[in-house]
């Protein structure tokens, strides 16, 4: 009898472990709205041309690389992020990599005080997306954006050499 109970216990434990391994984690589960918005943001920038860094701009008292898609400079150019918001709602941002930080160079995410766009702010260095970006991988799940909870998606922007030079972001306030 004890052997039978032990076997059932081991099988049950194994089933729970196997099921949990098959379930998507928060970082990979994609909300359908987030997925649609991300696809739109990537498609719109893709139509402009391949991403590249060229020159620098001043943001929040520091110099950051200028990010281009084709010949279109994205720094302080709000057309694409506003088109995404108009078509599917939510928020959109394009970050550029500046050393170990990722700086918002175009966004429709509002500043915490509501005084305008949060350009020049950085991706939260303690947030869940940064670890995935450092590995060159996408992050989908919940994240606080400047203190506000959002359902989000982050995808790396890669140049012709496949280096991560920025991040696409989309999200919806919870």
C-alpha atoms as a PDB file:
ATOM      1  CA  UNK A   1       0.000   0.000   0.000  1.00  0.00           C
ATOM      2  CA  UNK A   2       2.793   2.467   0.881  1.00  0.00           C
ATOM      3  CA  UNK A   3       4.521   1.724  -2.429  1.00  0.00           C
ATOM      4  CA  UNK A   4       1.285   2.464  -4.306  1.00  0.00           C
ATOM      5  CA  UNK A   5       0.807   5.796  -2.481  1.00  0.00           C
ATOM      6  CA  UNK A   6       4.438   6.778  -3.075  1.00  0.00           C
ATOM      7  CA  UNK A   7       4.144   5.965  -6.776  1.00  0.00           C
ATOM      8  CA  UNK A   8       0.951   8.005  -7.101  1.00  0.00           C
ATOM      9  CA  UNK A   9       2.590  10.902  -5.243  1.00  0.00           C
ATOM     10  CA  UNK A  10       5.637  10.838  -7.513  1.00  0.00           C
ATOM     11  CA  UNK A  11       3.471  10.685 -10.640  1.00  0.00           C
ATOM     12  CA  UNK A  12       1.276  13.543  -9.412  1.00  0.00           C
ATOM     13  CA  UNK A  13       4.323  15.678  -8.602  1.00  0.00           C
ATOM     14  CA  UNK A  14       5.834  14.926 -11.995  1.00  0.00           C
ATOM     15  CA  UNK A  15       2.570  15.874 -13.712  1.00  0.00           C
ATOM     16  CA  UNK A  16       2.436  19.220 -11.888  1.00  0.00           C
ATOM     17  CA  UNK A  17       6.059  19.972 -12.808  1.00  0.00           C
ATOM     18  CA  UNK A  18       5.509  18.993 -16.450  1.00  0.00           C
ATOM     19  CA  UNK A  19       2.334  21.084 -16.692  1.00  0.00           C
ATOM     20  CA  UNK A  20       4.051  24.116 -15.180  1.00  0.00           C
ATOM     21  CA  UNK A  21       6.884  23.799 -17.689  1.00  0.00           C
ATOM     22  CA  UNK A  22       4.391  23.818 -20.569  1.00  0.00           C
ATOM     23  CA  UNK A  23       2.547  26.909 -19.339  1.00  0.00           C
ATOM     24  CA  UNK A  24       3.733  30.216 -20.809  1.00  0.00           C
ATOM     25  CA  UNK A  25       5.544  32.457 -18.383  1.00  0.00           C
ATOM     26  CA  UNK A  26       4.552  36.097 -17.942  1.00  0.00           C
ATOM     27  CA  UNK A  27       7.508  37.183 -20.064  1.00  0.00           C
ATOM     28  CA  UNK A  28       6.359  35.135 -23.050  1.00  0.00           C
ATOM     29  CA  UNK A  29       2.566  35.305 -22.773  1.00  0.00           C
ATOM     30  CA  UNK A  30       1.337  37.742 -25.376  1.00  0.00           C
ATOM     31  CA  UNK A  31      -1.822  39.749 -24.929  1.00  0.00           C
ATOM     32  CA  UNK A  32      -3.534  39.861 -28.366  1.00  0.00           C
ATOM     33  CA  UNK A  33      -3.759  43.690 -28.300  1.00  0.00           C
ATOM     34  CA  UNK A  34      -0.070  43.973 -27.406  1.00  0.00           C
ATOM     35  CA  UNK A  35       0.889  41.523 -30.154  1.00  0.00           C
ATOM     36  CA  UNK A  36      -1.148  43.467 -32.741  1.00  0.00           C
ATOM     37  CA  UNK A  37       0.337  46.803 -31.645  1.00  0.00           C
ATOM     38  CA  UNK A  38       3.887  45.396 -31.745  1.00  0.00           C
ATOM     39  CA  UNK A  39       3.394  43.974 -35.222  1.00  0.00           C
ATOM     40  CA  UNK A  40       2.098  47.367 -36.365  1.00  0.00           C
ATOM     41  CA  UNK A  41       5.007  49.305 -34.825  1.00  0.00           C
ATOM     42  CA  UNK A  42       7.570  46.969 -36.388  1.00  0.00           C
ATOM     43  CA  UNK A  43       5.814  47.079 -39.776  1.00  0.00           C
ATOM     44  CA  UNK A  44       5.614  50.890 -39.808  1.00  0.00           C
ATOM     45  CA  UNK A  45       9.299  51.341 -38.971  1.00  0.00           C
ATOM     46  CA  UNK A  46      10.246  48.549 -41.369  1.00  0.00           C
ATOM     47  CA  UNK A  47       8.621  50.429 -44.262  1.00  0.00           C
ATOM     48  CA  UNK A  48      11.006  53.319 -43.556  1.00  0.00           C
ATOM     49  CA  UNK A  49      14.102  51.157 -44.015  1.00  0.00           C
ATOM     50  CA  UNK A  50      16.645  49.260 -41.932  1.00  0.00           C
ATOM     51  CA  UNK A  51      17.573  50.575 -38.459  1.00  0.00           C
ATOM     52  CA  UNK A  52      20.948  52.238 -37.903  1.00  0.00           C
ATOM     53  CA  UNK A  53      22.707  54.639 -35.564  1.00  0.00           C
ATOM     54  CA  UNK A  54      24.158  57.829 -36.982  1.00  0.00           C
ATOM     55  CA  UNK A  55      25.325  60.844 -35.008  1.00  0.00           C
ATOM     56  CA  UNK A  56      24.046  61.933 -31.606  1.00  0.00           C
ATOM     57  CA  UNK A  57      21.338  64.043 -29.955  1.00  0.00           C
ATOM     58  CA  UNK A  58      20.991  65.617 -26.514  1.00  0.00           C
ATOM     59  CA  UNK A  59      18.277  64.080 -24.315  1.00  0.00           C
ATOM     60  CA  UNK A  60      17.768  64.759 -20.609  1.00  0.00           C
ATOM     61  CA  UNK A  61      21.201  66.332 -20.288  1.00  0.00           C
ATOM     62  CA  UNK A  62      23.078  63.503 -21.979  1.00  0.00           C
ATOM     63  CA  UNK A  63      24.197  62.694 -25.486  1.00  0.00           C
ATOM     64  CA  UNK A  64      22.525  59.647 -27.060  1.00  0.00           C
ATOM     65  CA  UNK A  65      22.886  58.054 -30.490  1.00  0.00           C
ATOM     66  CA  UNK A  66      20.505  59.180 -33.217  1.00  0.00           C
ATOM     67  CA  UNK A  67      18.380  56.233 -34.345  1.00  0.00           C
ATOM     68  CA  UNK A  68      17.278  56.044 -37.965  1.00  0.00           C
ATOM     69  CA  UNK A  69      15.042  53.721 -39.939  1.00  0.00           C
ATOM     70  CA  UNK A  70      16.276  54.230 -43.469  1.00  0.00           C
ATOM     71  CA  UNK A  71      16.695  57.989 -43.814  1.00  0.00           C
ATOM     72  CA  UNK A  72      14.051  58.814 -41.188  1.00  0.00           C
ATOM     73  CA  UNK A  73      15.473  59.986 -37.891  1.00  0.00           C
ATOM     74  CA  UNK A  74      13.362  58.709 -34.995  1.00  0.00           C
ATOM     75  CA  UNK A  75      14.711  60.977 -32.231  1.00  0.00           C
ATOM     76  CA  UNK A  76      11.935  63.505 -31.485  1.00  0.00           C
ATOM     77  CA  UNK A  77       9.876  62.192 -34.429  1.00  0.00           C
ATOM     78  CA  UNK A  78       6.473  61.174 -33.069  1.00  0.00           C
ATOM     79  CA  UNK A  79       4.710  60.223 -36.321  1.00  0.00           C
ATOM     80  CA  UNK A  80       5.074  56.437 -36.067  1.00  0.00           C
ATOM     81  CA  UNK A  81       4.260  56.089 -32.347  1.00  0.00           C
ATOM     82  CA  UNK A  82       1.235  58.371 -32.744  1.00  0.00           C
ATOM     83  CA  UNK A  83       0.025  56.383 -35.790  1.00  0.00           C
ATOM     84  CA  UNK A  84       0.211  53.161 -33.757  1.00  0.00           C
ATOM     85  CA  UNK A  85      -1.748  54.776 -30.920  1.00  0.00           C
ATOM     86  CA  UNK A  86      -4.368  56.133 -33.354  1.00  0.00           C
ATOM     87  CA  UNK A  87      -4.827  52.730 -34.997  1.00  0.00           C
ATOM     88  CA  UNK A  88      -4.796  50.356 -31.999  1.00  0.00           C
ATOM     89  CA  UNK A  89      -4.701  52.505 -28.856  1.00  0.00           C
ATOM     90  CA  UNK A  90      -2.271  52.094 -26.004  1.00  0.00           C
ATOM     91  CA  UNK A  91       1.220  53.526 -25.941  1.00  0.00           C
ATOM     92  CA  UNK A  92       4.291  53.073 -28.109  1.00  0.00           C
ATOM     93  CA  UNK A  93       7.948  53.960 -27.679  1.00  0.00           C
ATOM     94  CA  UNK A  94      11.220  53.517 -29.467  1.00  0.00           C
ATOM     95  CA  UNK A  95      14.296  53.391 -27.246  1.00  0.00           C
ATOM     96  CA  UNK A  96      17.890  53.819 -28.377  1.00  0.00           C
ATOM     97  CA  UNK A  97      20.755  52.055 -26.663  1.00  0.00           C
ATOM     98  CA  UNK A  98      23.120  54.519 -24.986  1.00  0.00           C
ATOM     99  CA  UNK A  99      25.841  52.517 -23.240  1.00  0.00           C
ATOM    100  CA  UNK A 100      24.056  50.275 -20.733  1.00  0.00           C
ATOM    101  CA  UNK A 101      20.840  52.357 -20.782  1.00  0.00           C
ATOM    102  CA  UNK A 102      17.933  52.481 -23.169  1.00  0.00           C
ATOM    103  CA  UNK A 103      16.611  56.030 -23.668  1.00  0.00           C
ATOM    104  CA  UNK A 104      13.139  56.936 -24.989  1.00  0.00           C
ATOM    105  CA  UNK A 105      13.779  58.935 -28.171  1.00  0.00           C
ATOM    106  CA  UNK A 106      10.193  58.845 -29.416  1.00  0.00           C
ATOM    107  CA  UNK A 107       7.138  57.989 -27.347  1.00  0.00           C
ATOM    108  CA  UNK A 108       3.556  58.786 -26.523  1.00  0.00           C
ATOM    109  CA  UNK A 109       3.979  57.584 -22.931  1.00  0.00           C
ATOM    110  CA  UNK A 110       3.117  60.608 -20.774  1.00  0.00           C
ATOM    111  CA  UNK A 111       5.436  61.985 -18.116  1.00  0.00           C
ATOM    112  CA  UNK A 112       4.306  61.035 -14.598  1.00  0.00           C
ATOM    113  CA  UNK A 113       3.230  64.636 -13.937  1.00  0.00           C
ATOM    114  CA  UNK A 114       1.256  64.762 -17.203  1.00  0.00           C
ATOM    115  CA  UNK A 115       3.361  67.617 -18.591  1.00  0.00           C
ATOM    116  CA  UNK A 116       4.081  65.992 -21.955  1.00  0.00           C
ATOM    117  CA  UNK A 117       5.835  63.024 -23.487  1.00  0.00           C
ATOM    118  CA  UNK A 118       8.374  61.066 -21.455  1.00  0.00           C
ATOM    119  CA  UNK A 119      11.180  61.406 -24.020  1.00  0.00           C
ATOM    120  CA  UNK A 120      14.664  61.251 -22.582  1.00  0.00           C
ATOM    121  CA  UNK A 121      13.606  58.920 -19.762  1.00  0.00           C
ATOM    122  CA  UNK A 122      15.209  55.491 -19.523  1.00  0.00           C
ATOM    123  CA  UNK A 123      13.953  51.932 -19.452  1.00  0.00           C
ATOM    124  CA  UNK A 124      13.686  50.889 -15.810  1.00  0.00           C
ATOM    125  CA  UNK A 125      17.049  49.242 -14.987  1.00  0.00           C
ATOM    126  CA  UNK A 126      15.316  47.113 -12.333  1.00  0.00           C
ATOM    127  CA  UNK A 127      12.263  46.232 -14.451  1.00  0.00           C
ATOM    128  CA  UNK A 128      11.520  42.841 -16.003  1.00  0.00           C
ATOM    129  CA  UNK A 129      12.201  43.888 -19.626  1.00  0.00           C
ATOM    130  CA  UNK A 130      15.828  44.972 -19.219  1.00  0.00           C
ATOM    131  CA  UNK A 131      17.106  41.490 -18.384  1.00  0.00           C
ATOM    132  CA  UNK A 132      15.566  40.102 -21.552  1.00  0.00           C
ATOM    133  CA  UNK A 133      16.887  42.987 -23.658  1.00  0.00           C
ATOM    134  CA  UNK A 134      20.407  42.361 -22.354  1.00  0.00           C
ATOM    135  CA  UNK A 135      20.037  38.795 -23.653  1.00  0.00           C
ATOM    136  CA  UNK A 136      18.686  40.101 -26.965  1.00  0.00           C
ATOM    137  CA  UNK A 137      15.287  38.515 -26.340  1.00  0.00           C
ATOM    138  CA  UNK A 138      11.725  39.830 -26.321  1.00  0.00           C
ATOM    139  CA  UNK A 139       9.709  40.464 -23.167  1.00  0.00           C
ATOM    140  CA  UNK A 140       5.917  40.272 -23.002  1.00  0.00           C
ATOM    141  CA  UNK A 141       4.088  40.729 -19.729  1.00  0.00           C
ATOM    142  CA  UNK A 142       3.375  43.206 -16.989  1.00  0.00           C
ATOM    143  CA  UNK A 143       5.721  46.096 -16.286  1.00  0.00           C
ATOM    144  CA  UNK A 144       5.558  49.424 -14.501  1.00  0.00           C
ATOM    145  CA  UNK A 145       6.121  52.290 -16.920  1.00  0.00           C
ATOM    146  CA  UNK A 146       7.237  55.326 -14.928  1.00  0.00           C
ATOM    147  CA  UNK A 147       5.307  53.964 -11.944  1.00  0.00           C
ATOM    148  CA  UNK A 148       2.108  53.015 -13.816  1.00  0.00           C
ATOM    149  CA  UNK A 149       1.236  49.308 -14.356  1.00  0.00           C
ATOM    150  CA  UNK A 150       0.959  48.236 -18.008  1.00  0.00           C
ATOM    151  CA  UNK A 151       0.552  45.064 -20.037  1.00  0.00           C
ATOM    152  CA  UNK A 152       3.554  45.367 -22.355  1.00  0.00           C
ATOM    153  CA  UNK A 153       5.668  44.048 -25.159  1.00  0.00           C
ATOM    154  CA  UNK A 154       9.343  44.805 -25.790  1.00  0.00           C
ATOM    155  CA  UNK A 155      11.301  43.631 -28.830  1.00  0.00           C
ATOM    156  CA  UNK A 156      14.968  44.345 -29.559  1.00  0.00           C
ATOM    157  CA  UNK A 157      15.856  46.561 -32.532  1.00  0.00           C
ATOM    158  CA  UNK A 158      18.856  45.117 -34.357  1.00  0.00           C
ATOM    159  CA  UNK A 159      21.163  46.774 -36.871  1.00  0.00           C
ATOM    160  CA  UNK A 160      22.662  45.136 -39.980  1.00  0.00           C
ATOM    161  CA  UNK A 161      25.314  43.433 -37.804  1.00  0.00           C
ATOM    162  CA  UNK A 162      22.520  41.996 -35.569  1.00  0.00           C
ATOM    163  CA  UNK A 163      23.607  44.124 -32.582  1.00  0.00           C
ATOM    164  CA  UNK A 164      20.813  45.370 -30.323  1.00  0.00           C
ATOM    165  CA  UNK A 165      20.723  49.141 -30.887  1.00  0.00           C
ATOM    166  CA  UNK A 166      17.304  49.888 -29.441  1.00  0.00           C
ATOM    167  CA  UNK A 167      13.952  48.563 -28.309  1.00  0.00           C
ATOM    168  CA  UNK A 168      10.416  48.622 -29.664  1.00  0.00           C
ATOM    169  CA  UNK A 169       7.831  48.992 -26.890  1.00  0.00           C
ATOM    170  CA  UNK A 170       4.034  48.889 -26.860  1.00  0.00           C
ATOM    171  CA  UNK A 171       1.700  48.708 -23.909  1.00  0.00           C
ATOM    172  CA  UNK A 172      -1.733  49.251 -22.433  1.00  0.00           C
ATOM    173  CA  UNK A 173      -2.386  50.701 -18.982  1.00  0.00           C
ATOM    174  CA  UNK A 174      -3.970  48.167 -16.638  1.00  0.00           C
END
